[in-house]
């Protein structure tokens, strides 16, 4: 599965059930009970939002912890960008979300763990929200 940046963001900022579920997903990844991939764009998105919400120092700590997780990190290279442009032309996704879909395609993935329902509009992509992911793997 591909993991979207909002899972890390909610794990770090949400004190309710959503945050609890997202922290559970991160625990499952760290315990290698689920395998995930993510684009290096996720790092940028997480750091940008967390810098504003929890402060620069915590954003750095959290981002370093993400990079130490057993996640397959995808380079945002020319091939991904070419796929992104094609996806952007054919959908209503913004460029960043199109990069996530292009990164998934680069790896042959069709499932994304995300709270962003924009991914529901993309044929051939299954979006799994945090609560469904937790129910599936716990």
C-alpha atoms as a PDB file:
ATOM      1  CA  UNK A   1       0.000   0.000   0.000  1.00  0.00           C
ATOM      2  CA  UNK A   2       0.942   3.604  -0.454  1.00  0.00           C
ATOM      3  CA  UNK A   3       0.735   5.853   2.600  1.00  0.00           C
ATOM      4  CA  UNK A   4      -0.353   9.458   2.221  1.00  0.00           C
ATOM      5  CA  UNK A   5       1.105  12.342   4.182  1.00  0.00           C
ATOM      6  CA  UNK A   6      -2.125  13.019   6.044  1.00  0.00           C
ATOM      7  CA  UNK A   7      -1.729   9.780   8.019  1.00  0.00           C
ATOM      8  CA  UNK A   8       1.519  11.114   9.525  1.00  0.00           C
ATOM      9  CA  UNK A   9       0.020  14.573  10.016  1.00  0.00           C
ATOM     10  CA  UNK A  10      -3.074  13.328  11.857  1.00  0.00           C
ATOM     11  CA  UNK A  11      -0.945  10.928  13.915  1.00  0.00           C
ATOM     12  CA  UNK A  12       1.032  13.941  15.110  1.00  0.00           C
ATOM     13  CA  UNK A  13      -1.741  16.516  15.518  1.00  0.00           C
ATOM     14  CA  UNK A  14      -5.116  14.840  16.115  1.00  0.00           C
ATOM     15  CA  UNK A  15      -5.944  13.938  19.709  1.00  0.00           C
ATOM     16  CA  UNK A  16      -9.157  12.091  18.823  1.00  0.00           C
ATOM     17  CA  UNK A  17     -10.043   8.767  17.225  1.00  0.00           C
ATOM     18  CA  UNK A  18      -8.569   9.739  13.850  1.00  0.00           C
ATOM     19  CA  UNK A  19      -5.191  10.477  15.411  1.00  0.00           C
ATOM     20  CA  UNK A  20      -5.367   7.250  17.402  1.00  0.00           C
ATOM     21  CA  UNK A  21      -6.054   5.255  14.225  1.00  0.00           C
ATOM     22  CA  UNK A  22      -3.224   6.979  12.361  1.00  0.00           C
ATOM     23  CA  UNK A  23      -0.803   6.290  15.214  1.00  0.00           C
ATOM     24  CA  UNK A  24      -1.962   2.662  15.069  1.00  0.00           C
ATOM     25  CA  UNK A  25      -1.110   2.516  11.363  1.00  0.00           C
ATOM     26  CA  UNK A  26       2.360   3.863  12.062  1.00  0.00           C
ATOM     27  CA  UNK A  27       2.806   1.255  14.792  1.00  0.00           C
ATOM     28  CA  UNK A  28       1.749  -1.502  12.350  1.00  0.00           C
ATOM     29  CA  UNK A  29       4.267  -0.238   9.791  1.00  0.00           C
ATOM     30  CA  UNK A  30       7.041  -0.116  12.379  1.00  0.00           C
ATOM     31  CA  UNK A  31       6.170  -3.642  13.522  1.00  0.00           C
ATOM     32  CA  UNK A  32       6.251  -4.658   9.838  1.00  0.00           C
ATOM     33  CA  UNK A  33       2.700  -5.988  10.031  1.00  0.00           C
ATOM     34  CA  UNK A  34       1.841  -3.921   6.975  1.00  0.00           C
ATOM     35  CA  UNK A  35       4.130  -2.938   4.127  1.00  0.00           C
ATOM     36  CA  UNK A  36       3.932   0.586   2.764  1.00  0.00           C
ATOM     37  CA  UNK A  37       5.553   2.821   0.213  1.00  0.00           C
ATOM     38  CA  UNK A  38       5.558   6.591  -0.059  1.00  0.00           C
ATOM     39  CA  UNK A  39       6.989   9.277  -2.260  1.00  0.00           C
ATOM     40  CA  UNK A  40       9.641  11.585  -0.861  1.00  0.00           C
ATOM     41  CA  UNK A  41       7.010  14.280  -1.516  1.00  0.00           C
ATOM     42  CA  UNK A  42       5.307  12.980   1.642  1.00  0.00           C
ATOM     43  CA  UNK A  43       8.306  14.188   3.653  1.00  0.00           C
ATOM     44  CA  UNK A  44       7.906  17.707   2.276  1.00  0.00           C
ATOM     45  CA  UNK A  45       4.164  17.786   2.921  1.00  0.00           C
ATOM     46  CA  UNK A  46       4.470  16.468   6.473  1.00  0.00           C
ATOM     47  CA  UNK A  47       7.291  18.821   7.409  1.00  0.00           C
ATOM     48  CA  UNK A  48       5.479  21.846   5.945  1.00  0.00           C
ATOM     49  CA  UNK A  49       2.226  21.210   7.838  1.00  0.00           C
ATOM     50  CA  UNK A  50       3.863  20.112  11.088  1.00  0.00           C
ATOM     51  CA  UNK A  51       6.155  23.148  11.122  1.00  0.00           C
ATOM     52  CA  UNK A  52       3.012  25.289  11.254  1.00  0.00           C
ATOM     53  CA  UNK A  53       1.105  23.073  13.714  1.00  0.00           C
ATOM     54  CA  UNK A  54       3.626  21.655  16.178  1.00  0.00           C
ATOM     55  CA  UNK A  55       6.691  23.821  15.571  1.00  0.00           C
ATOM     56  CA  UNK A  56       9.914  23.480  13.654  1.00  0.00           C
ATOM     57  CA  UNK A  57      11.812  21.304  16.165  1.00  0.00           C
ATOM     58  CA  UNK A  58       9.031  18.723  16.495  1.00  0.00           C
ATOM     59  CA  UNK A  59       8.504  18.738  12.715  1.00  0.00           C
ATOM     60  CA  UNK A  60      12.170  17.846  12.262  1.00  0.00           C
ATOM     61  CA  UNK A  61      12.017  15.069  14.896  1.00  0.00           C
ATOM     62  CA  UNK A  62       8.879  13.554  13.394  1.00  0.00           C
ATOM     63  CA  UNK A  63      10.263  13.704   9.859  1.00  0.00           C
ATOM     64  CA  UNK A  64      13.501  12.016  10.897  1.00  0.00           C
ATOM     65  CA  UNK A  65      11.457   9.291  12.591  1.00  0.00           C
ATOM     66  CA  UNK A  66       9.433   8.802   9.377  1.00  0.00           C
ATOM     67  CA  UNK A  67      12.606   8.303   7.365  1.00  0.00           C
ATOM     68  CA  UNK A  68      13.760   5.592   9.759  1.00  0.00           C
ATOM     69  CA  UNK A  69      10.538   3.603   9.281  1.00  0.00           C
ATOM     70  CA  UNK A  70      10.472   0.479   7.091  1.00  0.00           C
ATOM     71  CA  UNK A  71       8.809   2.316   4.200  1.00  0.00           C
ATOM     72  CA  UNK A  72       9.811   1.932   0.548  1.00  0.00           C
ATOM     73  CA  UNK A  73      10.609   5.520  -0.433  1.00  0.00           C
ATOM     74  CA  UNK A  74       9.974   6.513  -4.052  1.00  0.00           C
ATOM     75  CA  UNK A  75      12.155   9.109  -5.764  1.00  0.00           C
ATOM     76  CA  UNK A  76      10.271  11.901  -7.525  1.00  0.00           C
ATOM     77  CA  UNK A  77      12.193  11.442 -10.751  1.00  0.00           C
ATOM     78  CA  UNK A  78      11.492  12.265 -14.395  1.00  0.00           C
ATOM     79  CA  UNK A  79       9.417   9.105 -14.894  1.00  0.00           C
ATOM     80  CA  UNK A  80       7.158   9.982 -11.944  1.00  0.00           C
ATOM     81  CA  UNK A  81       6.779  13.566 -13.165  1.00  0.00           C
ATOM     82  CA  UNK A  82       5.830  12.431 -16.690  1.00  0.00           C
ATOM     83  CA  UNK A  83       3.182  10.135 -15.183  1.00  0.00           C
ATOM     84  CA  UNK A  84       2.030  12.981 -12.930  1.00  0.00           C
ATOM     85  CA  UNK A  85       1.489  15.299 -15.887  1.00  0.00           C
ATOM     86  CA  UNK A  86      -0.592  12.635 -17.648  1.00  0.00           C
ATOM     87  CA  UNK A  87      -2.670  12.041 -14.499  1.00  0.00           C
ATOM     88  CA  UNK A  88      -3.069  15.784 -13.950  1.00  0.00           C
ATOM     89  CA  UNK A  89      -4.332  16.213 -17.538  1.00  0.00           C
ATOM     90  CA  UNK A  90      -6.904  13.422 -17.185  1.00  0.00           C
ATOM     91  CA  UNK A  91      -8.215  14.109 -13.656  1.00  0.00           C
ATOM     92  CA  UNK A  92      -9.190  16.908 -11.318  1.00  0.00           C
ATOM     93  CA  UNK A  93      -6.374  16.077  -8.883  1.00  0.00           C
ATOM     94  CA  UNK A  94      -3.967  18.788  -7.877  1.00  0.00           C
ATOM     95  CA  UNK A  95      -0.342  18.253  -8.936  1.00  0.00           C
ATOM     96  CA  UNK A  96       0.788  16.962  -5.518  1.00  0.00           C
ATOM     97  CA  UNK A  97      -1.910  14.296  -5.381  1.00  0.00           C
ATOM     98  CA  UNK A  98      -1.117  13.402  -8.994  1.00  0.00           C
ATOM     99  CA  UNK A  99       2.512  12.831  -7.918  1.00  0.00           C
ATOM    100  CA  UNK A 100       1.263  10.411  -5.259  1.00  0.00           C
ATOM    101  CA  UNK A 101      -0.763   8.465  -7.843  1.00  0.00           C
ATOM    102  CA  UNK A 102       2.192   8.509 -10.267  1.00  0.00           C
ATOM    103  CA  UNK A 103       4.462   7.190  -7.503  1.00  0.00           C
ATOM    104  CA  UNK A 104       1.971   4.405  -6.829  1.00  0.00           C
ATOM    105  CA  UNK A 105       1.902   3.512 -10.524  1.00  0.00           C
ATOM    106  CA  UNK A 106       5.706   3.510 -10.592  1.00  0.00           C
ATOM    107  CA  UNK A 107       5.566   0.689  -8.021  1.00  0.00           C
ATOM    108  CA  UNK A 108       2.492  -1.076  -9.405  1.00  0.00           C
ATOM    109  CA  UNK A 109       0.377  -0.237  -6.334  1.00  0.00           C
ATOM    110  CA  UNK A 110      -3.368   0.321  -6.403  1.00  0.00           C
ATOM    111  CA  UNK A 111      -4.208   0.967  -2.709  1.00  0.00           C
ATOM    112  CA  UNK A 112      -3.580   4.158  -0.778  1.00  0.00           C
ATOM    113  CA  UNK A 113      -4.054   4.715   2.952  1.00  0.00           C
ATOM    114  CA  UNK A 114      -5.400   8.253   3.095  1.00  0.00           C
ATOM    115  CA  UNK A 115      -8.091  10.461   4.541  1.00  0.00           C
ATOM    116  CA  UNK A 116      -8.236  12.436   1.268  1.00  0.00           C
ATOM    117  CA  UNK A 117     -11.405  11.463  -0.588  1.00  0.00           C
ATOM    118  CA  UNK A 118     -10.115  13.087  -3.801  1.00  0.00           C
ATOM    119  CA  UNK A 119      -8.446   9.722  -4.442  1.00  0.00           C
ATOM    120  CA  UNK A 120     -11.908   8.092  -4.588  1.00  0.00           C
ATOM    121  CA  UNK A 121     -12.425   9.717  -8.003  1.00  0.00           C
ATOM    122  CA  UNK A 122      -9.491   7.891  -9.590  1.00  0.00           C
ATOM    123  CA  UNK A 123     -10.302   4.662 -11.402  1.00  0.00           C
ATOM    124  CA  UNK A 124      -8.214   1.670 -10.451  1.00  0.00           C
ATOM    125  CA  UNK A 125      -7.257   3.209  -7.087  1.00  0.00           C
ATOM    126  CA  UNK A 126      -8.658   1.964  -3.788  1.00  0.00           C
ATOM    127  CA  UNK A 127      -8.514   4.460  -0.946  1.00  0.00           C
ATOM    128  CA  UNK A 128      -8.456   2.928   2.521  1.00  0.00           C
ATOM    129  CA  UNK A 129      -9.138   5.377   5.328  1.00  0.00           C
ATOM    130  CA  UNK A 130      -7.414   5.053   8.698  1.00  0.00           C
ATOM    131  CA  UNK A 131     -10.328   3.378  10.486  1.00  0.00           C
ATOM    132  CA  UNK A 132     -10.736   0.739   7.752  1.00  0.00           C
ATOM    133  CA  UNK A 133      -6.998   0.101   7.705  1.00  0.00           C
ATOM    134  CA  UNK A 134      -6.909  -0.438  11.468  1.00  0.00           C
ATOM    135  CA  UNK A 135      -9.934  -2.780  11.345  1.00  0.00           C
ATOM    136  CA  UNK A 136      -8.347  -4.749   8.510  1.00  0.00           C
ATOM    137  CA  UNK A 137      -4.981  -5.285  10.186  1.00  0.00           C
ATOM    138  CA  UNK A 138      -5.791  -5.495  13.898  1.00  0.00           C
END
